[in-house]
């Protein structure tokens, strides 16, 4: 009996400790309702409002060094391969020196629809439409089974996916039966304002907490380390990017969602980039290194995509 009581006490004590999370972005005390206190390492200015229930320690991250390590890793991989001709070898050498060369040597995907074809596209198009974007060179990104989605797998285990295919006329799309069942009020330009969309996205992920939205809909324990928005260019228009940094039971993830809309037509554009790694293969350091190594390339692909509606 005494042994049983001891075992129960240990189990209760263990459950009270709660889940522990990565401290790469700082430390969080998610089990106590205390005032904020923090320790800042190095010479860093910190301003802003922190959730009252989060006790956080902040540290600096040398993103440049992480990206440089990724560049060396990718250069080693590309230069170790054998190439069928001189041109392919020259492209590999250029990408090894700078991943942005995967944009320079990208291929163009394009689609031109007349009015009849556009109406059959199920994106709310009602007029002639021209759509194009750059597909990064296959030495760095591979095609997937999904339209407009391209994938890169690093030797360290980081999987990066960029998705370019979310373009639609939100006013006309509302008239379709399936859409009307989901949205009761007809959307307007303010509903799809890029900053509004980015803010709504990160609001789903309270920092220092388990994401209630995913917990409710997918029964997952997903912890949010960071959530922020920033201005950017999407499909040639001024827009915003929402970024969330998440920890799941078995993986780490950085998710970036890009939003913009046309100034002259009710066209909405969104793209996404996701970086993931299994916990038994790496850490957030691996994700951040990959993100900053590929950042210029992926943001250029997203910025230069276009869809003209006329």
C-alpha atoms as a PDB file:
ATOM      1  CA  UNK A   1       0.000   0.000   0.000  1.00  0.00           C
ATOM      2  CA  UNK A   2       2.801   2.364   0.934  1.00  0.00           C
ATOM      3  CA  UNK A   3       4.535   1.610  -2.363  1.00  0.00           C
ATOM      4  CA  UNK A   4       1.277   2.277  -4.261  1.00  0.00           C
ATOM      5  CA  UNK A   5       0.811   5.652  -2.561  1.00  0.00           C
ATOM      6  CA  UNK A   6       4.401   6.584  -3.345  1.00  0.00           C
ATOM      7  CA  UNK A   7       3.891   5.692  -7.025  1.00  0.00           C
ATOM      8  CA  UNK A   8       0.681   7.739  -7.205  1.00  0.00           C
ATOM      9  CA  UNK A   9       2.398  10.714  -5.612  1.00  0.00           C
ATOM     10  CA  UNK A  10       5.191  10.551  -8.164  1.00  0.00           C
ATOM     11  CA  UNK A  11       2.686  10.379 -11.028  1.00  0.00           C
ATOM     12  CA  UNK A  12       0.779  13.390  -9.713  1.00  0.00           C
ATOM     13  CA  UNK A  13       3.986  15.359  -9.225  1.00  0.00           C
ATOM     14  CA  UNK A  14       5.122  14.514 -12.747  1.00  0.00           C
ATOM     15  CA  UNK A  15       1.800  15.634 -14.263  1.00  0.00           C
ATOM     16  CA  UNK A  16       2.017  18.945 -12.410  1.00  0.00           C
ATOM     17  CA  UNK A  17       5.370  19.751 -13.936  1.00  0.00           C
ATOM     18  CA  UNK A  18       3.795  19.977 -17.381  1.00  0.00           C
ATOM     19  CA  UNK A  19       5.229  19.846 -20.880  1.00  0.00           C
ATOM     20  CA  UNK A  20       8.696  21.270 -21.457  1.00  0.00           C
ATOM     21  CA  UNK A  21       9.460  23.136 -24.680  1.00  0.00           C
ATOM     22  CA  UNK A  22      12.479  24.249 -26.653  1.00  0.00           C
ATOM     23  CA  UNK A  23      14.349  27.230 -25.196  1.00  0.00           C
ATOM     24  CA  UNK A  24      15.862  28.330 -28.517  1.00  0.00           C
ATOM     25  CA  UNK A  25      13.727  31.503 -28.585  1.00  0.00           C
ATOM     26  CA  UNK A  26      13.763  31.936 -24.807  1.00  0.00           C
ATOM     27  CA  UNK A  27      12.238  30.151 -21.840  1.00  0.00           C
ATOM     28  CA  UNK A  28       8.552  30.073 -20.968  1.00  0.00           C
ATOM     29  CA  UNK A  29       6.929  29.230 -17.663  1.00  0.00           C
ATOM     30  CA  UNK A  30       3.545  28.081 -18.949  1.00  0.00           C
ATOM     31  CA  UNK A  31       2.369  26.579 -15.662  1.00  0.00           C
ATOM     32  CA  UNK A  32       2.396  29.633 -13.393  1.00  0.00           C
ATOM     33  CA  UNK A  33       0.360  32.827 -13.336  1.00  0.00           C
ATOM     34  CA  UNK A  34       3.165  35.272 -12.538  1.00  0.00           C
ATOM     35  CA  UNK A  35       4.298  38.707 -13.604  1.00  0.00           C
ATOM     36  CA  UNK A  36       6.795  39.078 -16.410  1.00  0.00           C
ATOM     37  CA  UNK A  37      10.494  38.941 -15.656  1.00  0.00           C
ATOM     38  CA  UNK A  38      13.298  38.497 -18.135  1.00  0.00           C
ATOM     39  CA  UNK A  39      16.984  38.184 -18.678  1.00  0.00           C
ATOM     40  CA  UNK A  40      18.389  39.731 -21.841  1.00  0.00           C
ATOM     41  CA  UNK A  41      21.680  38.348 -23.072  1.00  0.00           C
ATOM     42  CA  UNK A  42      24.126  40.438 -25.131  1.00  0.00           C
ATOM     43  CA  UNK A  43      23.387  44.064 -26.038  1.00  0.00           C
ATOM     44  CA  UNK A  44      19.773  43.930 -27.208  1.00  0.00           C
ATOM     45  CA  UNK A  45      16.983  46.500 -26.911  1.00  0.00           C
ATOM     46  CA  UNK A  46      13.591  44.939 -26.196  1.00  0.00           C
ATOM     47  CA  UNK A  47      10.288  46.791 -26.286  1.00  0.00           C
ATOM     48  CA  UNK A  48       6.656  45.793 -26.495  1.00  0.00           C
ATOM     49  CA  UNK A  49       3.956  44.130 -24.443  1.00  0.00           C
ATOM     50  CA  UNK A  50       4.357  40.589 -23.143  1.00  0.00           C
ATOM     51  CA  UNK A  51       1.451  38.368 -22.082  1.00  0.00           C
ATOM     52  CA  UNK A  52       1.051  38.638 -18.312  1.00  0.00           C
ATOM     53  CA  UNK A  53       1.004  34.876 -17.850  1.00  0.00           C
ATOM     54  CA  UNK A  54       4.336  34.268 -19.599  1.00  0.00           C
ATOM     55  CA  UNK A  55       7.740  34.331 -17.931  1.00  0.00           C
ATOM     56  CA  UNK A  56      10.243  34.638 -20.765  1.00  0.00           C
ATOM     57  CA  UNK A  57      14.003  34.823 -21.143  1.00  0.00           C
ATOM     58  CA  UNK A  58      15.144  36.363 -24.441  1.00  0.00           C
ATOM     59  CA  UNK A  59      18.417  35.686 -26.264  1.00  0.00           C
ATOM     60  CA  UNK A  60      19.960  36.776 -29.542  1.00  0.00           C
ATOM     61  CA  UNK A  61      20.334  34.475 -32.559  1.00  0.00           C
ATOM     62  CA  UNK A  62      23.113  34.824 -35.137  1.00  0.00           C
ATOM     63  CA  UNK A  63      21.010  34.233 -38.266  1.00  0.00           C
ATOM     64  CA  UNK A  64      23.897  35.088 -40.579  1.00  0.00           C
ATOM     65  CA  UNK A  65      26.076  32.321 -39.178  1.00  0.00           C
ATOM     66  CA  UNK A  66      23.225  29.818 -39.433  1.00  0.00           C
ATOM     67  CA  UNK A  67      22.578  30.742 -43.072  1.00  0.00           C
ATOM     68  CA  UNK A  68      26.302  30.503 -43.872  1.00  0.00           C
ATOM     69  CA  UNK A  69      26.423  26.969 -42.472  1.00  0.00           C
ATOM     70  CA  UNK A  70      23.490  26.033 -44.730  1.00  0.00           C
ATOM     71  CA  UNK A  71      25.235  27.576 -47.722  1.00  0.00           C
ATOM     72  CA  UNK A  72      28.327  25.456 -47.132  1.00  0.00           C
ATOM     73  CA  UNK A  73      26.236  22.322 -46.670  1.00  0.00           C
ATOM     74  CA  UNK A  74      24.342  22.954 -49.919  1.00  0.00           C
ATOM     75  CA  UNK A  75      27.533  23.782 -51.814  1.00  0.00           C
ATOM     76  CA  UNK A  76      29.079  20.485 -50.708  1.00  0.00           C
ATOM     77  CA  UNK A  77      25.998  18.572 -51.884  1.00  0.00           C
ATOM     78  CA  UNK A  78      25.788  20.234 -55.288  1.00  0.00           C
ATOM     79  CA  UNK A  79      29.489  20.074 -56.081  1.00  0.00           C
ATOM     80  CA  UNK A  80      29.649  16.377 -55.142  1.00  0.00           C
ATOM     81  CA  UNK A  81      27.146  15.479 -57.876  1.00  0.00           C
ATOM     82  CA  UNK A  82      28.005  14.505 -61.427  1.00  0.00           C
ATOM     83  CA  UNK A  83      26.375  16.531 -64.214  1.00  0.00           C
ATOM     84  CA  UNK A  84      25.497  15.467 -67.738  1.00  0.00           C
ATOM     85  CA  UNK A  85      26.686  18.631 -69.475  1.00  0.00           C
ATOM     86  CA  UNK A  86      28.677  21.795 -68.916  1.00  0.00           C
ATOM     87  CA  UNK A  87      25.639  24.064 -68.649  1.00  0.00           C
ATOM     88  CA  UNK A  88      24.080  22.006 -65.857  1.00  0.00           C
ATOM     89  CA  UNK A  89      27.409  21.981 -64.017  1.00  0.00           C
ATOM     90  CA  UNK A  90      27.636  25.775 -64.409  1.00  0.00           C
ATOM     91  CA  UNK A  91      24.117  26.223 -62.973  1.00  0.00           C
ATOM     92  CA  UNK A  92      24.987  23.951 -60.041  1.00  0.00           C
ATOM     93  CA  UNK A  93      28.093  26.012 -59.366  1.00  0.00           C
ATOM     94  CA  UNK A  94      26.047  29.234 -59.420  1.00  0.00           C
ATOM     95  CA  UNK A  95      23.398  27.848 -57.030  1.00  0.00           C
ATOM     96  CA  UNK A  96      26.136  26.512 -54.755  1.00  0.00           C
ATOM     97  CA  UNK A  97      27.579  30.031 -54.561  1.00  0.00           C
ATOM     98  CA  UNK A  98      24.186  31.710 -54.040  1.00  0.00           C
ATOM     99  CA  UNK A  99      20.729  30.036 -53.771  1.00  0.00           C
ATOM    100  CA  UNK A 100      19.209  33.067 -55.526  1.00  0.00           C
ATOM    101  CA  UNK A 101      20.585  31.555 -58.746  1.00  0.00           C
ATOM    102  CA  UNK A 102      17.697  29.072 -58.503  1.00  0.00           C
ATOM    103  CA  UNK A 103      15.521  32.089 -59.427  1.00  0.00           C
ATOM    104  CA  UNK A 104      17.884  33.290 -62.146  1.00  0.00           C
ATOM    105  CA  UNK A 105      17.712  29.843 -63.769  1.00  0.00           C
ATOM    106  CA  UNK A 106      14.051  29.234 -62.917  1.00  0.00           C
ATOM    107  CA  UNK A 107      11.477  28.158 -65.481  1.00  0.00           C
ATOM    108  CA  UNK A 108       8.275  30.123 -66.032  1.00  0.00           C
ATOM    109  CA  UNK A 109       4.888  28.529 -65.444  1.00  0.00           C
ATOM    110  CA  UNK A 110       2.060  30.420 -67.123  1.00  0.00           C
ATOM    111  CA  UNK A 111      -1.602  30.004 -67.955  1.00  0.00           C
ATOM    112  CA  UNK A 112      -3.729  32.182 -70.226  1.00  0.00           C
ATOM    113  CA  UNK A 113      -7.501  31.759 -69.963  1.00  0.00           C
ATOM    114  CA  UNK A 114     -10.195  33.224 -72.154  1.00  0.00           C
ATOM    115  CA  UNK A 115     -13.480  34.287 -70.545  1.00  0.00           C
ATOM    116  CA  UNK A 116     -15.116  30.874 -70.998  1.00  0.00           C
ATOM    117  CA  UNK A 117     -12.121  28.967 -69.637  1.00  0.00           C
ATOM    118  CA  UNK A 118     -11.761  31.372 -66.723  1.00  0.00           C
ATOM    119  CA  UNK A 119     -15.316  30.716 -65.545  1.00  0.00           C
ATOM    120  CA  UNK A 120     -14.577  26.979 -65.390  1.00  0.00           C
ATOM    121  CA  UNK A 121     -11.493  27.532 -63.226  1.00  0.00           C
ATOM    122  CA  UNK A 122     -13.443  27.512 -59.907  1.00  0.00           C
ATOM    123  CA  UNK A 123     -11.529  30.523 -58.617  1.00  0.00           C
ATOM    124  CA  UNK A 124     -14.266  33.067 -59.233  1.00  0.00           C
ATOM    125  CA  UNK A 125     -12.657  34.320 -62.458  1.00  0.00           C
ATOM    126  CA  UNK A 126     -15.208  35.871 -64.852  1.00  0.00           C
ATOM    127  CA  UNK A 127     -12.956  37.632 -67.370  1.00  0.00           C
ATOM    128  CA  UNK A 128      -9.830  36.797 -69.313  1.00  0.00           C
ATOM    129  CA  UNK A 129      -6.972  35.936 -66.967  1.00  0.00           C
ATOM    130  CA  UNK A 130      -3.222  35.605 -67.345  1.00  0.00           C
ATOM    131  CA  UNK A 131      -1.353  33.882 -64.512  1.00  0.00           C
ATOM    132  CA  UNK A 132       2.359  33.207 -64.131  1.00  0.00           C
ATOM    133  CA  UNK A 133       5.083  32.495 -61.583  1.00  0.00           C
ATOM    134  CA  UNK A 134       8.660  31.255 -61.503  1.00  0.00           C
ATOM    135  CA  UNK A 135       9.410  27.626 -60.640  1.00  0.00           C
ATOM    136  CA  UNK A 136      12.739  27.421 -58.773  1.00  0.00           C
ATOM    137  CA  UNK A 137      15.434  25.334 -60.435  1.00  0.00           C
ATOM    138  CA  UNK A 138      15.053  21.576 -59.746  1.00  0.00           C
ATOM    139  CA  UNK A 139      18.572  21.361 -58.318  1.00  0.00           C
ATOM    140  CA  UNK A 140      17.125  23.105 -55.270  1.00  0.00           C
ATOM    141  CA  UNK A 141      13.337  22.486 -55.345  1.00  0.00           C
ATOM    142  CA  UNK A 142      11.310  19.516 -56.591  1.00  0.00           C
ATOM    143  CA  UNK A 143       7.766  19.413 -57.933  1.00  0.00           C
ATOM    144  CA  UNK A 144       5.094  17.835 -55.745  1.00  0.00           C
ATOM    145  CA  UNK A 145       1.735  16.298 -56.602  1.00  0.00           C
ATOM    146  CA  UNK A 146       0.042  19.558 -55.559  1.00  0.00           C
ATOM    147  CA  UNK A 147      -0.361  22.456 -57.971  1.00  0.00           C
ATOM    148  CA  UNK A 148       2.053  25.306 -57.304  1.00  0.00           C
ATOM    149  CA  UNK A 149       3.790  23.530 -54.408  1.00  0.00           C
ATOM    150  CA  UNK A 150       7.571  22.939 -54.491  1.00  0.00           C
ATOM    151  CA  UNK A 151       9.694  21.086 -51.947  1.00  0.00           C
ATOM    152  CA  UNK A 152      13.288  21.148 -50.741  1.00  0.00           C
ATOM    153  CA  UNK A 153      14.793  18.595 -48.345  1.00  0.00           C
ATOM    154  CA  UNK A 154      18.107  19.453 -46.724  1.00  0.00           C
ATOM    155  CA  UNK A 155      20.692  16.895 -45.648  1.00  0.00           C
ATOM    156  CA  UNK A 156      20.127  17.980 -42.055  1.00  0.00           C
ATOM    157  CA  UNK A 157      16.455  16.949 -42.255  1.00  0.00           C
ATOM    158  CA  UNK A 158      14.703  20.295 -42.839  1.00  0.00           C
ATOM    159  CA  UNK A 159      11.778  20.121 -45.279  1.00  0.00           C
ATOM    160  CA  UNK A 160      10.836  23.418 -46.946  1.00  0.00           C
ATOM    161  CA  UNK A 161       7.669  23.810 -48.998  1.00  0.00           C
ATOM    162  CA  UNK A 162       6.565  26.895 -50.918  1.00  0.00           C
ATOM    163  CA  UNK A 163       2.974  27.159 -52.170  1.00  0.00           C
ATOM    164  CA  UNK A 164       2.027  29.715 -54.844  1.00  0.00           C
ATOM    165  CA  UNK A 165      -1.421  28.613 -55.989  1.00  0.00           C
ATOM    166  CA  UNK A 166      -3.974  30.555 -53.924  1.00  0.00           C
ATOM    167  CA  UNK A 167      -5.440  33.205 -56.253  1.00  0.00           C
ATOM    168  CA  UNK A 168      -9.135  34.001 -56.586  1.00  0.00           C
ATOM    169  CA  UNK A 169     -11.760  36.662 -57.169  1.00  0.00           C
ATOM    170  CA  UNK A 170     -13.352  36.743 -53.730  1.00  0.00           C
ATOM    171  CA  UNK A 171     -16.556  38.603 -54.726  1.00  0.00           C
ATOM    172  CA  UNK A 172     -17.497  36.260 -57.571  1.00  0.00           C
ATOM    173  CA  UNK A 173     -16.375  33.199 -55.645  1.00  0.00           C
ATOM    174  CA  UNK A 174     -18.852  34.109 -52.910  1.00  0.00           C
ATOM    175  CA  UNK A 175     -21.693  33.493 -55.360  1.00  0.00           C
ATOM    176  CA  UNK A 176     -20.741  29.844 -55.744  1.00  0.00           C
ATOM    177  CA  UNK A 177     -22.966  27.629 -53.612  1.00  0.00           C
ATOM    178  CA  UNK A 178     -20.176  26.016 -51.584  1.00  0.00           C
ATOM    179  CA  UNK A 179     -18.686  29.382 -50.681  1.00  0.00           C
ATOM    180  CA  UNK A 180     -22.054  30.909 -49.786  1.00  0.00           C
ATOM    181  CA  UNK A 181     -22.686  28.151 -47.243  1.00  0.00           C
ATOM    182  CA  UNK A 182     -19.450  29.028 -45.444  1.00  0.00           C
ATOM    183  CA  UNK A 183     -19.714  32.838 -45.544  1.00  0.00           C
ATOM    184  CA  UNK A 184     -23.075  34.389 -44.748  1.00  0.00           C
ATOM    185  CA  UNK A 185     -22.202  38.010 -45.590  1.00  0.00           C
ATOM    186  CA  UNK A 186     -20.867  39.087 -48.969  1.00  0.00           C
ATOM    187  CA  UNK A 187     -17.154  39.914 -48.539  1.00  0.00           C
ATOM    188  CA  UNK A 188     -15.798  43.356 -49.396  1.00  0.00           C
ATOM    189  CA  UNK A 189     -12.364  44.868 -49.888  1.00  0.00           C
ATOM    190  CA  UNK A 190     -11.883  45.379 -46.134  1.00  0.00           C
ATOM    191  CA  UNK A 191     -12.622  41.719 -45.349  1.00  0.00           C
ATOM    192  CA  UNK A 192      -9.617  40.657 -47.396  1.00  0.00           C
ATOM    193  CA  UNK A 193      -7.261  43.541 -46.562  1.00  0.00           C
ATOM    194  CA  UNK A 194      -3.776  41.966 -46.363  1.00  0.00           C
ATOM    195  CA  UNK A 195      -2.933  43.337 -42.921  1.00  0.00           C
ATOM    196  CA  UNK A 196      -6.308  42.198 -41.562  1.00  0.00           C
ATOM    197  CA  UNK A 197      -5.724  38.699 -42.945  1.00  0.00           C
ATOM    198  CA  UNK A 198      -2.213  38.517 -41.443  1.00  0.00           C
ATOM    199  CA  UNK A 199      -3.453  39.730 -38.053  1.00  0.00           C
ATOM    200  CA  UNK A 200      -6.291  37.196 -38.033  1.00  0.00           C
ATOM    201  CA  UNK A 201      -3.828  34.457 -38.892  1.00  0.00           C
ATOM    202  CA  UNK A 202      -1.424  35.110 -36.003  1.00  0.00           C
ATOM    203  CA  UNK A 203      -4.317  35.658 -33.560  1.00  0.00           C
ATOM    204  CA  UNK A 204      -4.978  31.918 -33.882  1.00  0.00           C
ATOM    205  CA  UNK A 205      -1.611  31.292 -32.189  1.00  0.00           C
ATOM    206  CA  UNK A 206      -1.276  32.964 -28.736  1.00  0.00           C
ATOM    207  CA  UNK A 207       2.425  33.166 -27.844  1.00  0.00           C
ATOM    208  CA  UNK A 208       3.489  31.012 -24.896  1.00  0.00           C
ATOM    209  CA  UNK A 209       0.353  28.862 -25.089  1.00  0.00           C
ATOM    210  CA  UNK A 210      -1.073  25.752 -26.682  1.00  0.00           C
ATOM    211  CA  UNK A 211      -2.889  26.838 -29.842  1.00  0.00           C
ATOM    212  CA  UNK A 212      -6.616  26.672 -28.951  1.00  0.00           C
ATOM    213  CA  UNK A 213      -7.727  26.575 -32.599  1.00  0.00           C
ATOM    214  CA  UNK A 214      -5.711  23.467 -33.455  1.00  0.00           C
ATOM    215  CA  UNK A 215      -6.538  21.891 -30.115  1.00  0.00           C
ATOM    216  CA  UNK A 216     -10.248  22.283 -30.870  1.00  0.00           C
ATOM    217  CA  UNK A 217     -10.255  21.234 -34.518  1.00  0.00           C
ATOM    218  CA  UNK A 218      -7.407  18.714 -34.747  1.00  0.00           C
ATOM    219  CA  UNK A 219      -6.915  17.621 -31.131  1.00  0.00           C
ATOM    220  CA  UNK A 220      -3.232  18.553 -31.288  1.00  0.00           C
ATOM    221  CA  UNK A 221      -0.940  20.086 -28.697  1.00  0.00           C
ATOM    222  CA  UNK A 222       0.804  22.808 -30.693  1.00  0.00           C
ATOM    223  CA  UNK A 223       2.820  25.316 -28.654  1.00  0.00           C
ATOM    224  CA  UNK A 224       3.498  28.812 -30.073  1.00  0.00           C
ATOM    225  CA  UNK A 225       6.960  30.314 -29.523  1.00  0.00           C
ATOM    226  CA  UNK A 226       6.601  33.446 -31.679  1.00  0.00           C
ATOM    227  CA  UNK A 227       3.977  35.196 -33.831  1.00  0.00           C
ATOM    228  CA  UNK A 228       4.542  38.367 -35.835  1.00  0.00           C
ATOM    229  CA  UNK A 229       3.528  40.240 -38.994  1.00  0.00           C
ATOM    230  CA  UNK A 230       5.634  42.292 -41.413  1.00  0.00           C
ATOM    231  CA  UNK A 231       5.032  44.187 -44.676  1.00  0.00           C
ATOM    232  CA  UNK A 232       6.144  42.466 -47.868  1.00  0.00           C
ATOM    233  CA  UNK A 233       5.329  42.154 -51.591  1.00  0.00           C
ATOM    234  CA  UNK A 234       2.994  39.401 -52.799  1.00  0.00           C
ATOM    235  CA  UNK A 235       2.072  38.897 -56.469  1.00  0.00           C
ATOM    236  CA  UNK A 236       3.430  42.345 -57.285  1.00  0.00           C
ATOM    237  CA  UNK A 237       1.234  44.105 -54.711  1.00  0.00           C
ATOM    238  CA  UNK A 238       1.937  45.549 -51.281  1.00  0.00           C
ATOM    239  CA  UNK A 239       0.962  43.003 -48.669  1.00  0.00           C
ATOM    240  CA  UNK A 240       1.753  41.439 -45.321  1.00  0.00           C
ATOM    241  CA  UNK A 241       3.347  38.262 -44.046  1.00  0.00           C
ATOM    242  CA  UNK A 242       2.241  36.468 -40.880  1.00  0.00           C
ATOM    243  CA  UNK A 243       4.861  34.225 -39.254  1.00  0.00           C
ATOM    244  CA  UNK A 244       4.287  31.699 -36.468  1.00  0.00           C
ATOM    245  CA  UNK A 245       6.927  29.461 -34.871  1.00  0.00           C
ATOM    246  CA  UNK A 246       5.412  26.259 -33.510  1.00  0.00           C
ATOM    247  CA  UNK A 247       6.363  23.161 -31.580  1.00  0.00           C
ATOM    248  CA  UNK A 248       4.423  19.926 -31.973  1.00  0.00           C
ATOM    249  CA  UNK A 249       4.822  16.684 -30.066  1.00  0.00           C
ATOM    250  CA  UNK A 250       7.269  15.283 -32.611  1.00  0.00           C
ATOM    251  CA  UNK A 251       8.375  18.209 -34.773  1.00  0.00           C
ATOM    252  CA  UNK A 252       9.322  21.885 -34.984  1.00  0.00           C
ATOM    253  CA  UNK A 253       7.743  24.195 -37.561  1.00  0.00           C
ATOM    254  CA  UNK A 254       8.015  27.727 -38.933  1.00  0.00           C
ATOM    255  CA  UNK A 255       4.985  28.781 -40.962  1.00  0.00           C
ATOM    256  CA  UNK A 256       4.842  31.957 -43.069  1.00  0.00           C
ATOM    257  CA  UNK A 257       1.618  33.055 -44.810  1.00  0.00           C
ATOM    258  CA  UNK A 258       1.710  35.905 -47.355  1.00  0.00           C
ATOM    259  CA  UNK A 259      -1.346  38.037 -48.247  1.00  0.00           C
ATOM    260  CA  UNK A 260      -2.092  40.795 -50.783  1.00  0.00           C
ATOM    261  CA  UNK A 261      -4.926  42.000 -53.000  1.00  0.00           C
ATOM    262  CA  UNK A 262      -5.286  43.849 -56.277  1.00  0.00           C
ATOM    263  CA  UNK A 263      -5.913  47.589 -56.100  1.00  0.00           C
ATOM    264  CA  UNK A 264      -8.165  47.594 -59.187  1.00  0.00           C
ATOM    265  CA  UNK A 265      -9.955  44.225 -59.104  1.00  0.00           C
ATOM    266  CA  UNK A 266     -11.369  42.054 -56.288  1.00  0.00           C
ATOM    267  CA  UNK A 267      -8.455  39.626 -56.544  1.00  0.00           C
ATOM    268  CA  UNK A 268      -6.952  38.033 -53.448  1.00  0.00           C
ATOM    269  CA  UNK A 269      -3.485  36.455 -53.383  1.00  0.00           C
ATOM    270  CA  UNK A 270      -1.914  34.267 -50.733  1.00  0.00           C
ATOM    271  CA  UNK A 271       1.213  32.123 -50.634  1.00  0.00           C
ATOM    272  CA  UNK A 272       2.885  30.109 -47.913  1.00  0.00           C
ATOM    273  CA  UNK A 273       6.295  28.822 -46.917  1.00  0.00           C
ATOM    274  CA  UNK A 274       6.686  26.111 -44.289  1.00  0.00           C
ATOM    275  CA  UNK A 275       9.852  24.753 -42.693  1.00  0.00           C
ATOM    276  CA  UNK A 276       9.626  21.558 -40.626  1.00  0.00           C
ATOM    277  CA  UNK A 277      11.995  19.123 -38.952  1.00  0.00           C
ATOM    278  CA  UNK A 278      11.425  16.083 -36.741  1.00  0.00           C
ATOM    279  CA  UNK A 279      12.649  16.475 -33.174  1.00  0.00           C
ATOM    280  CA  UNK A 280      14.814  13.389 -33.434  1.00  0.00           C
ATOM    281  CA  UNK A 281      16.619  14.900 -36.449  1.00  0.00           C
ATOM    282  CA  UNK A 282      17.205  18.527 -35.485  1.00  0.00           C
ATOM    283  CA  UNK A 283      16.203  21.715 -33.709  1.00  0.00           C
ATOM    284  CA  UNK A 284      14.895  25.220 -34.343  1.00  0.00           C
ATOM    285  CA  UNK A 285      18.486  26.179 -35.118  1.00  0.00           C
ATOM    286  CA  UNK A 286      18.316  23.976 -38.215  1.00  0.00           C
ATOM    287  CA  UNK A 287      15.009  25.593 -39.246  1.00  0.00           C
ATOM    288  CA  UNK A 288      16.287  29.140 -38.817  1.00  0.00           C
ATOM    289  CA  UNK A 289      19.446  28.378 -40.754  1.00  0.00           C
ATOM    290  CA  UNK A 290      17.406  27.039 -43.662  1.00  0.00           C
ATOM    291  CA  UNK A 291      14.896  29.895 -43.506  1.00  0.00           C
ATOM    292  CA  UNK A 292      17.533  32.595 -43.732  1.00  0.00           C
ATOM    293  CA  UNK A 293      19.499  30.700 -46.368  1.00  0.00           C
ATOM    294  CA  UNK A 294      16.426  30.514 -48.665  1.00  0.00           C
ATOM    295  CA  UNK A 295      14.716  33.778 -47.654  1.00  0.00           C
ATOM    296  CA  UNK A 296      15.807  36.020 -50.550  1.00  0.00           C
ATOM    297  CA  UNK A 297      15.029  33.350 -53.154  1.00  0.00           C
ATOM    298  CA  UNK A 298      11.557  32.514 -51.868  1.00  0.00           C
ATOM    299  CA  UNK A 299      10.504  36.112 -51.284  1.00  0.00           C
ATOM    300  CA  UNK A 300      11.535  36.998 -54.847  1.00  0.00           C
ATOM    301  CA  UNK A 301       9.454  34.131 -56.253  1.00  0.00           C
ATOM    302  CA  UNK A 302       6.422  35.300 -54.250  1.00  0.00           C
ATOM    303  CA  UNK A 303       6.922  38.985 -55.097  1.00  0.00           C
ATOM    304  CA  UNK A 304       7.286  38.475 -58.869  1.00  0.00           C
ATOM    305  CA  UNK A 305       4.347  36.103 -59.364  1.00  0.00           C
ATOM    306  CA  UNK A 306       1.457  37.778 -61.162  1.00  0.00           C
ATOM    307  CA  UNK A 307      -2.156  37.249 -62.145  1.00  0.00           C
ATOM    308  CA  UNK A 308      -3.675  39.793 -64.520  1.00  0.00           C
ATOM    309  CA  UNK A 309      -7.454  39.903 -64.697  1.00  0.00           C
ATOM    310  CA  UNK A 310      -9.010  41.865 -67.573  1.00  0.00           C
END
